[in-house]
Amino acid sequence: MSPLRVAVIGCGSMARHHIRQMLLRPDTTIPVVCEPSPAAYAEAARLFEERGLTPPPNEPDLSRLLATYPLDAAFIITPHAYHHDQAVACLEAGLDVLLEKPMVLNTAEAESLMAVQRHTGRLLVVAFPGSLSPAIRTAARLLREGELGELLSISATVWQNWGPNTANTWRQVPELAGGGFLFDTGAHLLNTVVDLAGEGFAEVMARLDNRGRPVETMGMVMGRLVSGAWVTMHACGETIPSCASDVRVFGTRAILRTGIWGERLELQRYGRHRLRKVPLPDSAGVWEQFLAVRRGDMPNPCPPEVGLRMIRLYDAIRASAAAGGQPIALS
């Protein structure tokens, strides 16, 4: 089969991380990129040159790009505020789309994007490496099959020196970012917790702290699932240089440990004295998983409904924080 022709929309640092992986694949080709910053494009072009490849042209005008280049798919890795309109344009142009998290800024955008996806019939995958990983898929299956017994509670933490690292960038501009640490890196936290829970929240209580920055960099969330199980989430974006996570799921028959990106999976069953590693295949990364979904090798674990459920939870968290931590009921 001919390599998949994909346009990379955005050439920032995260996009360059993905491009490095994509250039290793014979089943993928990047005939064009879309990047308004000459400096960012130059950094991306260097990745191609390092592999002895001619860099693709840069067409900063997405409408002109879609009208000019024959393509099969788009990978959108741009500031959050642009996700909705860019994804709509690509879907309506007949492309399948892998869309970086968070999917969109608000519920209205999520519902609009879902309507376009249904109308066009194209594939839309939200790039949550946790939900796309073997660890979280296996953990979710164990929970659904009752391997942990009754779900009692989930405790999840993510930490990073996000505040200092993203100062003076678009990630701390509310109009472009839509939120702070809990909406950016913390989007993985929210998504993975809900994925593991397998059900919605009945209510949440939250406090957020900007620590003098334009957006929140710390957050504490306590919630109750529809089943009655409890959830705590802690996001600290002002710590020492680091980026890591820890998720514990407590049941009546076992305890499970994983991470928000699916970076591990351990299980301690009733009668055992310690957590034991669960054997898993290596995580393939979001682009390879997107290709697997597109080929029909696996169901889509991150459809746009995933983005909708995350933004609804984040909206409730912000509403509770604005009300001084008062409980917010979710329908």
Protein backbone atom coordinates (compact mmCIF):
# COMPACT_ATOMS: atom_id res chain seq x y z
CA MET A 1 0.00 0.00 0.00
CA SER A 2 1.11 3.56 -0.64
CA PRO A 3 2.25 5.53 2.41
CA LEU A 4 -0.43 7.58 4.14
CA ARG A 5 -0.17 11.23 3.12
CA VAL A 6 -0.56 13.35 6.24
CA ALA A 7 -0.40 17.10 6.74
CA VAL A 8 1.09 18.14 10.07
CA ILE A 9 -0.77 21.22 11.27
CA GLY A 10 1.54 23.05 13.68
CA CYS A 11 5.30 22.61 14.08
CA GLY A 12 5.89 23.50 17.73
CA SER A 13 7.87 21.42 20.21
CA MET A 14 5.17 18.78 20.69
CA ALA A 15 4.65 18.49 16.93
CA ARG A 16 8.37 17.97 16.45
CA HIS A 17 8.27 15.15 19.01
CA HIS A 18 5.60 13.42 16.91
CA ILE A 19 7.36 14.16 13.61
CA ARG A 20 10.48 12.35 14.85
CA GLN A 21 8.41 9.20 15.36
CA MET A 22 6.50 9.56 12.10
CA LEU A 23 9.71 9.86 10.06
CA LEU A 24 10.71 6.37 11.24
CA ARG A 25 7.67 4.82 9.55
CA PRO A 26 7.66 3.63 5.91
CA ASP A 27 3.84 3.73 5.91
CA THR A 28 3.71 7.49 6.52
CA THR A 29 4.74 10.47 4.44
CA ILE A 30 4.43 14.18 5.24
CA PRO A 31 4.03 16.09 1.95
CA VAL A 32 3.25 19.45 3.58
CA VAL A 33 3.12 21.21 6.93
CA CYS A 34 1.13 24.22 8.11
CA GLU A 35 3.02 26.58 10.42
CA PRO A 36 2.80 30.41 10.65
CA SER A 37 6.13 30.75 12.51
CA PRO A 38 9.23 30.65 10.26
CA ALA A 39 11.37 29.73 13.27
CA ALA A 40 9.17 26.76 14.20
CA TYR A 41 9.12 25.59 10.58
CA ALA A 42 12.93 25.80 10.43
CA GLU A 43 13.18 23.59 13.52
CA ALA A 44 10.83 21.03 11.97
CA ALA A 45 12.65 21.12 8.62
CA ARG A 46 15.88 20.24 10.42
CA LEU A 47 14.36 16.92 11.52
CA PHE A 48 13.87 15.92 7.89
CA GLU A 49 17.37 17.05 6.92
CA GLU A 50 18.89 15.00 9.75
CA ARG A 51 17.40 11.90 8.12
CA GLY A 52 18.60 12.87 4.67
CA LEU A 53 15.11 13.91 3.54
CA THR A 54 13.98 17.03 1.74
CA PRO A 55 11.79 19.06 4.12
CA PRO A 56 8.17 19.38 2.99
CA PRO A 57 6.91 22.80 1.94
CA ASN A 58 5.22 25.00 4.51
CA GLU A 59 1.77 26.36 3.63
CA PRO A 60 0.64 28.55 6.54
CA ASP A 61 -2.82 29.05 5.04
CA LEU A 62 -4.79 25.93 5.95
CA SER A 63 -7.57 26.59 3.42
CA ARG A 64 -5.05 26.87 0.61
CA LEU A 65 -3.20 23.79 1.84
CA LEU A 66 -6.38 21.68 1.81
CA ALA A 67 -7.28 22.93 -1.67
CA THR A 68 -3.81 22.32 -3.11
CA TYR A 69 -2.33 19.11 -1.71
CA PRO A 70 -3.72 15.56 -2.14
CA LEU A 71 -3.89 14.18 1.39
CA ASP A 72 -5.33 11.30 3.38
CA ALA A 73 -5.10 12.62 6.94
CA ALA A 74 -4.15 15.52 9.17
CA PHE A 75 -2.40 15.60 12.53
CA ILE A 76 -3.39 18.82 14.33
CA ILE A 77 -0.92 19.95 17.00
CA THR A 78 -1.67 23.65 17.50
CA PRO A 79 -2.76 25.93 20.38
CA HIS A 80 -6.01 24.70 21.87
CA ALA A 81 -8.13 27.61 20.64
CA TYR A 82 -7.53 26.59 17.00
CA HIS A 83 -8.47 22.93 17.34
CA HIS A 84 -12.18 23.20 16.55
CA ASP A 85 -11.98 25.24 13.34
CA GLN A 86 -8.93 23.40 12.01
CA ALA A 87 -10.44 19.98 12.69
CA VAL A 88 -13.72 21.00 11.06
CA ALA A 89 -11.85 22.23 7.96
CA CYS A 90 -9.87 18.99 7.66
CA LEU A 91 -12.89 16.73 8.18
CA GLU A 92 -14.93 18.67 5.64
CA ALA A 93 -12.02 18.34 3.20
CA GLY A 94 -12.40 14.56 3.47
CA LEU A 95 -9.43 13.86 5.73
CA ASP A 96 -9.18 11.62 8.75
CA VAL A 97 -7.91 13.55 11.76
CA LEU A 98 -5.68 12.89 14.76
CA LEU A 99 -6.26 15.84 17.09
CA GLU A 100 -4.05 16.78 20.03
CA LYS A 101 -5.64 17.14 23.44
CA PRO A 102 -7.59 18.88 24.83
CA MET A 103 -9.96 18.40 21.92
CA VAL A 104 -11.62 21.83 22.10
CA LEU A 105 -12.22 24.71 24.52
CA ASN A 106 -15.83 24.18 25.60
CA THR A 107 -18.92 22.00 25.37
CA ALA A 108 -20.42 23.93 22.44
CA GLU A 109 -17.28 23.37 20.37
CA ALA A 110 -17.23 19.70 21.30
CA GLU A 111 -20.83 19.17 20.21
CA SER A 112 -20.22 21.11 17.00
CA LEU A 113 -17.16 19.01 16.14
CA MET A 114 -19.04 15.80 16.89
CA ALA A 115 -21.81 16.86 14.51
CA VAL A 116 -19.30 17.54 11.72
CA GLN A 117 -17.59 14.21 12.30
CA ARG A 118 -20.90 12.36 12.07
CA HIS A 119 -21.89 14.30 8.95
CA THR A 120 -18.61 13.70 7.11
CA GLY A 121 -18.18 10.12 8.30
CA ARG A 122 -14.43 10.68 8.65
CA LEU A 123 -12.30 9.28 11.47
CA LEU A 124 -11.51 11.59 14.39
CA VAL A 125 -9.15 10.36 17.12
CA VAL A 126 -8.18 12.52 20.11
CA ALA A 127 -4.48 12.04 20.88
CA PHE A 128 -4.66 10.84 24.47
CA PRO A 129 -1.67 8.48 24.85
CA GLY A 130 -3.20 7.07 28.03
CA SER A 131 -6.43 5.86 26.45
CA LEU A 132 -4.46 4.71 23.40
CA SER A 133 -1.95 2.73 25.50
CA PRO A 134 -1.97 -1.02 26.25
CA ALA A 135 -1.73 -0.22 29.99
CA ILE A 136 -4.94 1.81 30.23
CA ARG A 137 -6.83 -0.40 27.81
CA THR A 138 -5.87 -3.45 29.91
CA ALA A 139 -6.65 -1.67 33.18
CA ALA A 140 -10.06 -0.62 31.91
CA ARG A 141 -10.80 -4.19 30.82
CA LEU A 142 -9.80 -5.58 34.24
CA LEU A 143 -12.09 -3.09 35.93
CA ARG A 144 -15.04 -3.83 33.62
CA GLU A 145 -14.60 -7.58 34.07
CA GLY A 146 -14.72 -7.23 37.86
CA GLU A 147 -11.11 -8.25 38.51
CA LEU A 148 -10.82 -5.52 41.16
CA GLY A 149 -14.19 -6.30 42.69
CA GLU A 150 -16.34 -3.29 43.58
CA LEU A 151 -14.69 0.02 42.69
CA LEU A 152 -14.15 1.98 45.92
CA SER A 153 -11.95 4.93 45.00
CA ILE A 154 -9.38 6.38 42.60
CA SER A 155 -6.47 8.60 43.65
CA ALA A 156 -4.53 10.33 40.86
CA THR A 157 -1.67 12.84 40.83
CA VAL A 158 0.29 14.63 38.12
CA TRP A 159 3.23 16.97 38.65
CA GLN A 160 5.52 19.05 36.46
CA ASN A 161 7.48 22.30 36.49
CA TRP A 162 4.85 23.53 34.04
CA GLY A 163 4.45 27.06 35.41
CA PRO A 164 8.09 28.10 34.97
CA ASN A 165 8.47 26.10 31.74
CA THR A 166 5.51 27.66 29.93
CA ALA A 167 5.86 31.25 31.17
CA ASN A 168 5.60 33.78 28.32
CA THR A 169 4.18 31.19 25.91
CA TRP A 170 0.70 30.70 24.48
CA ARG A 171 0.02 28.00 27.08
CA GLN A 172 -0.45 30.74 29.67
CA VAL A 173 -2.61 32.97 27.45
CA PRO A 174 -6.18 32.13 28.52
CA GLU A 175 -7.72 33.01 25.13
CA LEU A 176 -5.41 30.53 23.34
CA ALA A 177 -4.98 27.87 26.02
CA GLY A 178 -8.50 27.72 27.47
CA GLY A 179 -7.06 26.88 30.89
CA GLY A 180 -3.85 26.15 32.72
CA PHE A 181 -1.92 23.14 33.95
CA LEU A 182 -5.05 21.12 34.72
CA PHE A 183 -6.34 21.71 31.17
CA ASP A 184 -3.00 21.12 29.45
CA THR A 185 -0.86 18.38 30.98
CA GLY A 186 -3.73 17.75 33.40
CA ALA A 187 -6.03 16.86 30.51
CA HIS A 188 -4.32 13.47 30.56
CA LEU A 189 -5.18 13.18 34.26
CA LEU A 190 -8.85 13.97 33.74
CA ASN A 191 -9.20 11.72 30.71
CA THR A 192 -7.44 8.69 32.17
CA VAL A 193 -9.35 8.85 35.44
CA VAL A 194 -12.69 8.94 33.63
CA ASP A 195 -11.53 6.19 31.26
CA LEU A 196 -10.63 3.94 34.19
CA ALA A 197 -13.83 4.78 36.07
CA GLY A 198 -15.96 3.82 33.09
CA GLU A 199 -18.76 6.06 34.31
CA GLY A 200 -19.59 9.69 34.83
CA PHE A 201 -19.23 11.95 37.85
CA ALA A 202 -22.25 12.74 39.96
CA GLU A 203 -20.57 15.74 41.59
CA VAL A 204 -17.20 17.44 41.93
CA MET A 205 -15.61 19.88 44.37
CA ALA A 206 -12.45 21.72 43.40
CA ARG A 207 -10.01 24.46 44.27
CA LEU A 208 -7.61 25.99 41.74
CA ASP A 209 -4.59 28.24 42.33
CA ASN A 210 -2.92 30.46 39.72
CA ARG A 211 0.03 31.34 41.97
CA GLY A 212 0.26 34.72 40.28
CA ARG A 213 0.09 33.39 36.73
CA PRO A 214 -2.68 34.10 34.17
CA VAL A 215 -3.98 30.50 34.39
CA GLU A 216 -4.19 27.83 37.08
CA THR A 217 -1.03 25.87 37.82
CA MET A 218 -2.26 23.89 40.83
CA GLY A 219 -5.53 22.12 41.49
CA MET A 220 -7.22 19.80 43.96
CA VAL A 221 -10.37 17.93 42.95
CA MET A 222 -12.61 15.61 44.93
CA GLY A 223 -15.48 13.90 43.19
CA ARG A 224 -18.09 11.18 43.52
CA LEU A 225 -18.88 8.87 40.63
CA VAL A 226 -22.42 7.90 39.71
CA SER A 227 -21.83 4.52 41.38
CA GLY A 228 -20.82 6.25 44.61
CA ALA A 229 -17.07 5.58 44.34
CA TRP A 230 -14.81 8.49 45.31
CA VAL A 231 -12.11 10.18 43.24
CA THR A 232 -9.32 12.55 44.25
CA MET A 233 -7.12 14.35 41.74
CA HIS A 234 -4.09 16.49 42.55
CA ALA A 235 -2.28 18.58 39.94
CA CYS A 236 0.91 20.44 40.86
CA GLY A 237 2.47 22.44 38.03
CA GLU A 238 4.95 24.46 40.08
CA THR A 239 7.37 21.81 41.37
CA ILE A 240 11.01 21.02 40.56
CA PRO A 241 12.00 20.09 36.98
CA SER A 242 10.04 16.89 36.39
CA CYS A 243 6.97 15.47 34.70
CA ALA A 244 5.35 12.34 36.10
CA SER A 245 2.13 10.85 37.41
CA ASP A 246 0.68 8.21 39.67
CA VAL A 247 -2.80 6.67 39.62
CA ARG A 248 -4.13 4.19 42.21
CA VAL A 249 -7.43 2.37 41.82
CA PHE A 250 -8.81 0.68 44.94
CA GLY A 251 -11.30 -2.18 44.77
CA THR A 252 -12.62 -4.77 47.17
CA ARG A 253 -10.51 -7.52 45.57
CA ALA A 254 -7.41 -5.75 44.27
CA ILE A 255 -5.42 -2.51 43.99
CA LEU A 256 -4.24 -1.27 40.61
CA ARG A 257 -1.46 1.23 39.89
CA THR A 258 -0.89 2.95 36.58
CA GLY A 259 -0.04 6.40 35.17
CA ILE A 260 -2.01 8.98 33.25
CA TRP A 261 -0.03 8.29 30.06
CA GLY A 262 -0.21 4.52 30.52
CA GLU A 263 3.44 4.43 31.53
CA ARG A 264 3.01 1.40 33.81
CA LEU A 265 0.50 -1.17 35.04
CA GLU A 266 0.79 -3.01 38.34
CA LEU A 267 -1.73 -5.09 40.27
CA GLN A 268 -1.95 -6.27 43.88
CA ARG A 269 -4.62 -8.92 44.34
CA TYR A 270 -6.33 -9.95 47.55
CA GLY A 271 -3.88 -11.96 49.68
CA ARG A 272 -0.78 -10.60 47.94
CA HIS A 273 1.66 -8.33 49.78
CA ARG A 274 2.87 -6.11 46.97
CA LEU A 275 2.09 -4.75 43.56
CA ARG A 276 3.22 -6.91 40.65
CA LYS A 277 3.91 -5.77 37.10
CA VAL A 278 1.32 -6.77 34.52
CA PRO A 279 3.03 -7.93 31.27
CA LEU A 280 2.09 -5.70 28.35
CA PRO A 281 3.22 -5.01 24.80
CA ASP A 282 5.17 -1.80 24.34
CA SER A 283 3.07 1.30 23.82
CA ALA A 284 3.06 2.12 20.13
CA GLY A 285 2.58 5.88 20.47
CA VAL A 286 -0.36 7.94 19.32
CA TRP A 287 0.46 8.01 15.60
CA GLU A 288 0.87 4.23 15.32
CA GLN A 289 -2.34 3.74 17.30
CA PHE A 290 -4.14 6.17 14.98
CA LEU A 291 -2.98 4.10 12.02
CA ALA A 292 -4.19 0.91 13.71
CA VAL A 293 -7.63 2.44 14.29
CA ARG A 294 -7.72 3.70 10.70
CA ARG A 295 -6.88 0.22 9.37
CA GLY A 296 -9.65 -1.28 11.47
CA ASP A 297 -7.22 -3.29 13.61
CA MET A 298 -8.73 -1.87 16.81
CA PRO A 299 -11.79 0.16 17.82
CA ASN A 300 -11.31 3.87 18.35
CA PRO A 301 -10.68 4.35 22.10
CA CYS A 302 -10.59 8.15 21.73
CA PRO A 303 -13.55 9.32 19.61
CA PRO A 304 -14.81 12.91 19.99
CA GLU A 305 -17.14 11.77 22.77
CA VAL A 306 -13.97 11.42 24.87
CA GLY A 307 -13.19 15.09 24.34
CA LEU A 308 -16.73 16.05 25.28
CA ARG A 309 -16.67 14.13 28.55
CA MET A 310 -13.32 15.73 29.49
CA ILE A 311 -14.46 19.29 28.81
CA ARG A 312 -17.67 18.73 30.79
CA LEU A 313 -15.62 17.57 33.78
CA TYR A 314 -13.23 20.51 33.49
CA ASP A 315 -16.12 22.96 33.24
CA ALA A 316 -17.57 21.53 36.47
CA ILE A 317 -14.17 21.79 38.16
CA ARG A 318 -13.86 25.46 37.19
CA ALA A 319 -17.41 26.18 38.31
CA SER A 320 -16.73 24.63 41.71
CA ALA A 321 -13.45 26.51 42.11
CA ALA A 322 -15.16 29.79 41.19
CA ALA A 323 -17.74 29.06 43.91
CA GLY A 324 -15.07 28.51 46.55
CA GLY A 325 -15.08 24.73 46.29
CA GLN A 326 -18.83 24.20 46.48
CA PRO A 327 -20.11 20.87 45.09
CA ILE A 328 -21.21 20.99 41.46
CA ALA A 329 -23.65 18.34 40.26
CA LEU A 330 -23.13 16.83 36.81
CA SER A 331 -26.04 15.48 34.86
